Amino acid sequence: MVDIVHILASTTPLCGNSGSCGLPTAHANHDAIQNVLTIVFGLVGALSLLMITISGLRYITSAGNPEQASKAKDGVVYALVGLAIALTAEAIVTFVVKNL
């Protein structure tokens, strides 16, 4: 069986006559990376706070049902753990990006 990828790879030159290869290069600076990461971690934090609010409302409206109250408490705990992980990840990424 003929593999089309290997045929194309063998016939397509990687570098032109100018000697420059057509490999992609990233032109992002540290500020651009930091801005993107700030937006991403901000969204994660907002979603976590939304989940805490929703779980709190579910706890309030559980009307004494132990099963619903337990699910609501678990939701709050999971959202807090997610928020803690997001904050830790943001601190680590910020530290690494600033020290590049």
Protein backbone atom coordinates (compact mmCIF):
# COMPACT_ATOMS: atom_id res chain seq x y z
CA MET A 1 0.00 0.00 0.00
CA VAL A 2 1.31 3.46 -0.94
CA ASP A 3 1.43 6.09 1.77
CA ILE A 4 0.57 9.49 0.26
CA VAL A 5 2.15 11.42 3.13
CA HIS A 6 5.57 9.88 2.51
CA ILE A 7 5.31 10.53 -1.22
CA LEU A 8 4.44 14.19 -0.69
CA ALA A 9 7.12 14.56 1.97
CA SER A 10 9.78 13.17 -0.33
CA THR A 11 8.83 15.45 -3.26
CA THR A 12 8.20 18.70 -1.38
CA PRO A 13 11.38 20.64 -0.59
CA LEU A 14 11.66 21.94 2.96
CA CYS A 15 13.89 24.88 2.10
CA GLY A 16 13.70 27.21 -0.86
CA ASN A 17 16.60 28.49 -2.95
CA SER A 18 17.08 31.36 -0.53
CA GLY A 19 18.11 28.92 2.19
CA SER A 20 15.32 29.91 4.53
CA CYS A 21 13.11 27.06 5.63
CA GLY A 22 9.39 27.57 5.71
CA LEU A 23 9.14 26.65 9.37
CA PRO A 24 6.77 28.77 11.47
CA THR A 25 8.19 31.09 14.05
CA ALA A 26 6.39 32.68 16.97
CA HIS A 27 6.65 36.43 17.28
CA ALA A 28 4.79 36.72 20.57
CA ASN A 29 6.45 38.63 23.36
CA HIS A 30 6.03 38.08 27.08
CA ASP A 31 3.33 40.75 27.35
CA ALA A 32 1.12 39.03 24.77
CA ILE A 33 1.50 35.68 26.51
CA GLN A 34 0.76 37.28 29.88
CA ASN A 35 -2.36 38.99 28.50
CA VAL A 36 -3.74 35.75 27.07
CA LEU A 37 -3.04 33.87 30.28
CA THR A 38 -4.65 36.61 32.36
CA ILE A 39 -7.82 36.32 30.29
CA VAL A 40 -7.86 32.51 30.50
CA PHE A 41 -7.29 32.40 34.25
CA GLY A 42 -9.80 35.21 34.76
CA LEU A 43 -12.43 33.15 32.95
CA VAL A 44 -11.58 30.08 35.03
CA GLY A 45 -11.91 32.12 38.22
CA ALA A 46 -15.22 33.61 37.10
CA LEU A 47 -16.60 30.17 36.24
CA SER A 48 -15.48 28.86 39.60
CA LEU A 49 -17.21 31.68 41.44
CA LEU A 50 -20.34 31.09 39.36
CA MET A 51 -20.31 27.42 40.34
CA ILE A 52 -19.91 28.35 44.02
CA THR A 53 -22.92 30.67 43.73
CA ILE A 54 -25.04 28.06 41.95
CA SER A 55 -24.11 25.38 44.48
CA GLY A 56 -24.91 27.77 47.32
CA LEU A 57 -28.35 28.41 45.85
CA ARG A 58 -28.86 24.67 45.43
CA TYR A 59 -27.96 24.22 49.09
CA ILE A 60 -30.43 26.89 50.16
CA THR A 61 -33.23 25.40 48.05
CA SER A 62 -32.55 21.81 49.11
CA ALA A 63 -35.32 22.20 51.73
CA GLY A 64 -33.71 19.82 54.17
CA ASN A 65 -33.24 16.99 51.66
CA PRO A 66 -29.92 15.44 52.75
CA GLU A 67 -29.10 14.09 49.28
CA GLN A 68 -29.54 17.46 47.54
CA ALA A 69 -27.72 19.27 50.35
CA SER A 70 -24.80 16.84 50.05
CA LYS A 71 -24.57 17.37 46.28
CA ALA A 72 -24.62 21.13 46.78
CA LYS A 73 -21.86 20.95 49.42
CA ASP A 74 -19.78 18.79 47.09
CA GLY A 75 -20.27 21.35 44.33
CA VAL A 76 -18.96 24.12 46.56
CA VAL A 77 -15.95 22.03 47.59
CA TYR A 78 -15.14 21.09 43.98
CA ALA A 79 -15.45 24.72 42.85
CA LEU A 80 -13.15 25.87 45.67
CA VAL A 81 -10.58 23.20 44.79
CA GLY A 82 -10.77 24.27 41.13
CA LEU A 83 -10.31 27.90 42.11
CA ALA A 84 -7.28 27.02 44.25
CA ILE A 85 -5.75 25.02 41.39
CA ALA A 86 -6.38 27.87 38.93
CA LEU A 87 -4.76 30.41 41.26
CA THR A 88 -1.77 28.16 41.80
CA ALA A 89 -1.42 27.53 38.07
CA GLU A 90 -1.59 31.26 37.38
CA ALA A 91 1.14 31.94 39.92
CA ILE A 92 3.39 29.24 38.45
CA VAL A 93 2.84 30.35 34.85
CA THR A 94 3.40 34.02 35.73
CA PHE A 95 6.63 33.11 37.50
CA VAL A 96 7.87 31.07 34.55
CA VAL A 97 6.91 33.65 31.91
CA LYS A 98 8.55 36.51 33.79
CA ASN A 99 11.77 34.52 34.20
CA LEU A 100 12.14 33.51 30.53
